[in-house]
Amino acid sequence: MAKTFKNLIAGEWVAPSTGAYFENRNPADTSDLVGRFPDSDRRDVDAAVRSARRGFAQWSRTPAPVRGDVLRRVGDLLVERKEAIAGAMTREMGKVLAETRGDVQEGI
């Protein structure tokens, strides 16, 4: 069974305000449903932007070494999960695995 995803807004997973979702299928095998994703609209974007603006104030007051530690940990998690991320990207976009591995590495 494919997962139904939600929007992450203000630290909470929330359904799209439209109540609608779209299906993403593996282009190499259209019987493979990758997942159902929020068909969000301006209200969701506005809520996410408001939340990000509120969070920015706190983040900007966080000492640089602490921010660096957070970003380093994110980088470490991306490295740890590189293969899984590349596999998911291949399934979602239809690119060959070698190419998505390169894309992930470039992003890191």
N, C-alpha and C. Protein backbone atom coordinates (compact mmCIF):
# COMPACT_ATOMS: atom_id res chain seq x y z
N MET A 1 0.85 -1.18 0.00
CA MET A 1 0.00 0.00 0.00
C MET A 1 0.89 1.24 0.00
N ALA A 2 0.61 2.15 -0.88
CA ALA A 2 1.39 3.38 -0.99
C ALA A 2 1.05 4.32 0.16
N LYS A 3 2.04 5.06 0.58
CA LYS A 3 1.87 6.00 1.68
C LYS A 3 1.21 7.28 1.17
N THR A 4 0.38 7.87 2.02
CA THR A 4 -0.19 9.18 1.76
C THR A 4 0.57 10.18 2.61
N PHE A 5 1.17 11.16 1.97
CA PHE A 5 2.01 12.14 2.64
C PHE A 5 1.20 13.38 3.00
N LYS A 6 1.72 14.16 3.94
CA LYS A 6 1.10 15.41 4.35
C LYS A 6 2.15 16.52 4.26
N ASN A 7 1.71 17.74 4.48
CA ASN A 7 2.60 18.89 4.52
C ASN A 7 3.17 19.04 5.93
N LEU A 8 4.43 19.42 6.02
CA LEU A 8 5.04 19.73 7.32
C LEU A 8 5.00 21.25 7.48
N ILE A 9 4.12 21.71 8.36
CA ILE A 9 3.95 23.14 8.60
C ILE A 9 3.97 23.37 10.10
N ALA A 10 4.85 24.25 10.53
CA ALA A 10 4.98 24.60 11.96
C ALA A 10 5.26 23.36 12.81
N GLY A 11 6.05 22.45 12.26
CA GLY A 11 6.43 21.26 13.01
C GLY A 11 5.37 20.18 13.09
N GLU A 12 4.27 20.35 12.37
CA GLU A 12 3.17 19.38 12.40
C GLU A 12 2.90 18.86 10.99
N TRP A 13 2.55 17.59 10.88
CA TRP A 13 2.14 17.02 9.60
C TRP A 13 0.66 17.30 9.44
N VAL A 14 0.32 18.07 8.41
CA VAL A 14 -1.07 18.49 8.21
C VAL A 14 -1.54 18.16 6.79
N ALA A 15 -2.82 17.83 6.70
CA ALA A 15 -3.43 17.57 5.39
C ALA A 15 -3.51 18.88 4.61
N PRO A 16 -3.53 18.79 3.29
CA PRO A 16 -3.65 20.01 2.50
C PRO A 16 -5.02 20.66 2.72
N SER A 17 -5.05 21.98 2.68
CA SER A 17 -6.32 22.67 2.92
C SER A 17 -7.36 22.33 1.86
N THR A 18 -6.91 21.90 0.69
CA THR A 18 -7.84 21.49 -0.37
C THR A 18 -8.48 20.14 -0.08
N GLY A 19 -7.82 19.35 0.77
CA GLY A 19 -8.27 17.99 1.03
C GLY A 19 -7.94 17.04 -0.11
N ALA A 20 -7.26 17.56 -1.13
CA ALA A 20 -6.97 16.77 -2.33
C ALA A 20 -5.52 16.27 -2.34
N TYR A 21 -5.33 15.14 -2.98
CA TYR A 21 -4.01 14.54 -3.14
C TYR A 21 -3.83 14.13 -4.60
N PHE A 22 -2.57 14.04 -5.02
CA PHE A 22 -2.31 13.51 -6.36
C PHE A 22 -1.43 12.28 -6.22
N GLU A 23 -1.52 11.40 -7.19
CA GLU A 23 -0.73 10.17 -7.17
C GLU A 23 0.54 10.37 -7.98
N ASN A 24 1.64 9.84 -7.47
CA ASN A 24 2.90 9.83 -8.19
C ASN A 24 3.23 8.38 -8.50
N ARG A 25 3.44 8.09 -9.77
CA ARG A 25 3.73 6.72 -10.20
C ARG A 25 5.13 6.63 -10.78
N ASN A 26 5.72 5.47 -10.60
CA ASN A 26 7.03 5.17 -11.15
C ASN A 26 6.92 5.21 -12.68
N PRO A 27 7.67 6.10 -13.35
CA PRO A 27 7.54 6.18 -14.81
C PRO A 27 8.04 4.92 -15.53
N ALA A 28 8.87 4.14 -14.87
CA ALA A 28 9.36 2.89 -15.48
C ALA A 28 8.38 1.74 -15.31
N ASP A 29 7.45 1.90 -14.36
CA ASP A 29 6.44 0.87 -14.10
C ASP A 29 5.22 1.58 -13.53
N THR A 30 4.33 2.01 -14.40
CA THR A 30 3.20 2.83 -13.96
C THR A 30 2.21 2.10 -13.05
N SER A 31 2.38 0.79 -12.89
CA SER A 31 1.55 0.08 -11.90
C SER A 31 2.09 0.29 -10.49
N ASP A 32 3.30 0.83 -10.38
CA ASP A 32 3.96 1.08 -9.09
C ASP A 32 3.59 2.48 -8.60
N LEU A 33 2.70 2.54 -7.63
CA LEU A 33 2.29 3.81 -7.04
C LEU A 33 3.32 4.20 -5.98
N VAL A 34 4.06 5.27 -6.24
CA VAL A 34 5.10 5.74 -5.31
C VAL A 34 4.45 6.29 -4.05
N GLY A 35 3.40 7.09 -4.21
CA GLY A 35 2.72 7.66 -3.06
C GLY A 35 1.65 8.63 -3.49
N ARG A 36 0.89 9.09 -2.50
CA ARG A 36 -0.12 10.12 -2.70
C ARG A 36 0.38 11.37 -1.98
N PHE A 37 0.38 12.47 -2.71
CA PHE A 37 0.99 13.69 -2.19
C PHE A 37 -0.02 14.83 -2.15
N PRO A 38 0.16 15.77 -1.19
CA PRO A 38 -0.80 16.87 -1.05
C PRO A 38 -0.89 17.71 -2.32
N ASP A 39 -2.11 17.97 -2.74
CA ASP A 39 -2.36 18.91 -3.83
C ASP A 39 -2.67 20.25 -3.16
N SER A 40 -1.62 20.87 -2.67
CA SER A 40 -1.74 22.06 -1.84
C SER A 40 -2.07 23.29 -2.68
N ASP A 41 -2.54 24.31 -1.99
CA ASP A 41 -2.83 25.57 -2.67
C ASP A 41 -2.18 26.72 -1.90
N ARG A 42 -2.54 27.91 -2.27
CA ARG A 42 -1.94 29.11 -1.69
C ARG A 42 -2.07 29.15 -0.16
N ARG A 43 -3.17 28.66 0.37
CA ARG A 43 -3.36 28.69 1.83
C ARG A 43 -2.28 27.88 2.54
N ASP A 44 -1.93 26.73 1.99
CA ASP A 44 -0.88 25.90 2.59
C ASP A 44 0.48 26.60 2.49
N VAL A 45 0.73 27.19 1.33
CA VAL A 45 2.00 27.92 1.14
C VAL A 45 2.07 29.09 2.11
N ASP A 46 1.01 29.86 2.22
CA ASP A 46 0.99 31.00 3.14
C ASP A 46 1.24 30.56 4.58
N ALA A 47 0.62 29.47 4.99
CA ALA A 47 0.82 28.96 6.36
C ALA A 47 2.27 28.53 6.56
N ALA A 48 2.85 27.88 5.57
CA ALA A 48 4.24 27.43 5.68
C ALA A 48 5.19 28.63 5.74
N VAL A 49 4.93 29.64 4.93
CA VAL A 49 5.79 30.83 4.93
C VAL A 49 5.68 31.57 6.26
N ARG A 50 4.47 31.71 6.78
CA ARG A 50 4.30 32.36 8.09
C ARG A 50 5.09 31.61 9.16
N SER A 51 5.00 30.30 9.15
CA SER A 51 5.72 29.49 10.12
C SER A 51 7.23 29.65 9.97
N ALA A 52 7.69 29.65 8.74
CA ALA A 52 9.13 29.81 8.49
C ALA A 52 9.63 31.17 8.97
N ARG A 53 8.83 32.18 8.76
CA ARG A 53 9.23 33.52 9.23
C ARG A 53 9.33 33.55 10.75
N ARG A 54 8.39 32.91 11.43
CA ARG A 54 8.46 32.86 12.90
C ARG A 54 9.70 32.08 13.34
N GLY A 55 9.97 30.98 12.67
CA GLY A 55 11.13 30.17 13.03
C GLY A 55 12.45 30.85 12.75
N PHE A 56 12.48 31.71 11.73
CA PHE A 56 13.72 32.38 11.37
C PHE A 56 14.23 33.24 12.51
N ALA A 57 13.34 33.91 13.22
CA ALA A 57 13.76 34.77 14.33
C ALA A 57 14.54 33.97 15.37
N GLN A 58 14.01 32.82 15.74
CA GLN A 58 14.70 31.98 16.73
C GLN A 58 16.00 31.43 16.15
N TRP A 59 15.97 30.95 14.91
CA TRP A 59 17.16 30.39 14.27
C TRP A 59 18.26 31.44 14.18
N SER A 60 17.91 32.67 13.85
CA SER A 60 18.93 33.71 13.69
C SER A 60 19.57 34.10 15.02
N ARG A 61 18.88 33.85 16.12
CA ARG A 61 19.46 34.11 17.45
C ARG A 61 20.28 32.93 17.96
N THR A 62 20.21 31.82 17.29
CA THR A 62 20.97 30.63 17.70
C THR A 62 22.44 30.86 17.37
N PRO A 63 23.34 30.61 18.31
CA PRO A 63 24.76 30.84 18.04
C PRO A 63 25.25 30.04 16.82
N ALA A 64 26.14 30.66 16.08
CA ALA A 64 26.65 30.05 14.85
C ALA A 64 27.20 28.64 15.06
N PRO A 65 27.95 28.37 16.14
CA PRO A 65 28.44 27.00 16.31
C PRO A 65 27.31 25.97 16.46
N VAL A 66 26.23 26.37 17.10
CA VAL A 66 25.08 25.46 17.26
C VAL A 66 24.41 25.24 15.91
N ARG A 67 24.23 26.32 15.15
CA ARG A 67 23.65 26.17 13.80
C ARG A 67 24.52 25.27 12.95
N GLY A 68 25.84 25.45 13.07
CA GLY A 68 26.76 24.60 12.32
C GLY A 68 26.62 23.14 12.70
N ASP A 69 26.46 22.87 13.99
CA ASP A 69 26.27 21.48 14.44
C ASP A 69 24.99 20.88 13.85
N VAL A 70 23.93 21.67 13.81
CA VAL A 70 22.66 21.19 13.25
C VAL A 70 22.85 20.86 11.77
N LEU A 71 23.45 21.76 11.03
CA LEU A 71 23.65 21.54 9.60
C LEU A 71 24.60 20.37 9.33
N ARG A 72 25.61 20.22 10.17
CA ARG A 72 26.52 19.09 10.03
C ARG A 72 25.77 17.77 10.24
N ARG A 73 24.90 17.74 11.23
CA ARG A 73 24.11 16.53 11.49
C ARG A 73 23.19 16.22 10.32
N VAL A 74 22.59 17.24 9.74
CA VAL A 74 21.75 17.02 8.55
C VAL A 74 22.59 16.41 7.44
N GLY A 75 23.79 16.96 7.23
CA GLY A 75 24.69 16.41 6.21
C GLY A 75 25.04 14.96 6.50
N ASP A 76 25.31 14.66 7.77
CA ASP A 76 25.63 13.27 8.15
C ASP A 76 24.46 12.34 7.86
N LEU A 77 23.25 12.79 8.15
CA LEU A 77 22.06 11.97 7.87
C LEU A 77 21.89 11.73 6.38
N LEU A 78 22.15 12.75 5.58
CA LEU A 78 22.06 12.59 4.13
C LEU A 78 23.07 11.57 3.63
N VAL A 79 24.28 11.62 4.17
CA VAL A 79 25.30 10.64 3.78
C VAL A 79 24.87 9.24 4.19
N GLU A 80 24.38 9.10 5.43
CA GLU A 80 23.93 7.79 5.92
C GLU A 80 22.79 7.22 5.07
N ARG A 81 21.94 8.09 4.58
CA ARG A 81 20.74 7.65 3.85
C ARG A 81 20.85 7.83 2.34
N LYS A 82 22.06 8.07 1.88
CA LYS A 82 22.28 8.37 0.46
C LYS A 82 21.68 7.30 -0.46
N GLU A 83 21.93 6.05 -0.15
CA GLU A 83 21.46 4.97 -1.03
C GLU A 83 19.93 4.90 -1.05
N ALA A 84 19.31 5.06 0.10
CA ALA A 84 17.84 5.04 0.15
C ALA A 84 17.25 6.23 -0.58
N ILE A 85 17.86 7.39 -0.43
CA ILE A 85 17.38 8.59 -1.13
C ILE A 85 17.51 8.41 -2.63
N ALA A 86 18.66 7.90 -3.07
CA ALA A 86 18.87 7.67 -4.51
C ALA A 86 17.86 6.66 -5.05
N GLY A 87 17.58 5.62 -4.30
CA GLY A 87 16.60 4.62 -4.73
C GLY A 87 15.21 5.22 -4.87
N ALA A 88 14.84 6.06 -3.90
CA ALA A 88 13.52 6.70 -3.96
C ALA A 88 13.44 7.66 -5.15
N MET A 89 14.51 8.38 -5.40
CA MET A 89 14.53 9.30 -6.54
C MET A 89 14.41 8.54 -7.86
N THR A 90 15.11 7.41 -7.96
CA THR A 90 15.03 6.60 -9.18
C THR A 90 13.61 6.12 -9.40
N ARG A 91 12.99 5.65 -8.36
CA ARG A 91 11.62 5.15 -8.45
C ARG A 91 10.65 6.28 -8.83
N GLU A 92 10.86 7.45 -8.28
CA GLU A 92 9.95 8.56 -8.52
C GLU A 92 10.15 9.20 -9.90
N MET A 93 11.41 9.33 -10.33
CA MET A 93 11.69 10.09 -11.56
C MET A 93 12.03 9.23 -12.77
N GLY A 94 12.39 7.98 -12.53
CA GLY A 94 12.75 7.12 -13.65
C GLY A 94 14.19 7.26 -14.10
N LYS A 95 15.00 8.02 -13.38
CA LYS A 95 16.42 8.14 -13.72
C LYS A 95 17.13 6.84 -13.34
N VAL A 96 18.28 6.60 -13.97
CA VAL A 96 19.07 5.44 -13.58
C VAL A 96 19.69 5.70 -12.21
N LEU A 97 19.92 4.63 -11.47
CA LEU A 97 20.41 4.75 -10.10
C LEU A 97 21.74 5.49 -10.02
N ALA A 98 22.64 5.24 -10.95
CA ALA A 98 23.94 5.92 -10.92
C ALA A 98 23.76 7.44 -11.00
N GLU A 99 22.79 7.88 -11.78
CA GLU A 99 22.55 9.32 -11.92
C GLU A 99 21.96 9.91 -10.64
N THR A 100 21.02 9.21 -10.03
CA THR A 100 20.43 9.76 -8.81
C THR A 100 21.43 9.72 -7.66
N ARG A 101 22.31 8.74 -7.65
CA ARG A 101 23.38 8.74 -6.63
C ARG A 101 24.22 10.01 -6.78
N GLY A 102 24.54 10.35 -8.01
CA GLY A 102 25.30 11.58 -8.27
C GLY A 102 24.53 12.81 -7.85
N ASP A 103 23.23 12.83 -8.12
CA ASP A 103 22.40 13.96 -7.72
C ASP A 103 22.40 14.13 -6.21
N VAL A 104 22.27 13.02 -5.49
CA VAL A 104 22.27 13.09 -4.03
C VAL A 104 23.62 13.59 -3.53
N GLN A 105 24.69 13.05 -4.07
CA GLN A 105 26.02 13.47 -3.65
C GLN A 105 26.23 14.96 -3.92
N GLU A 106 25.75 15.42 -5.06
CA GLU A 106 25.87 16.84 -5.40
C GLU A 106 25.11 17.69 -4.40
N GLY A 107 23.96 17.21 -3.97
CA GLY A 107 23.16 17.94 -2.98
C GLY A 107 23.82 17.99 -1.61
N ILE A 108 24.58 16.96 -1.29
CA ILE A 108 25.26 16.90 0.00
C ILE A 108 26.41 17.89 -0.01
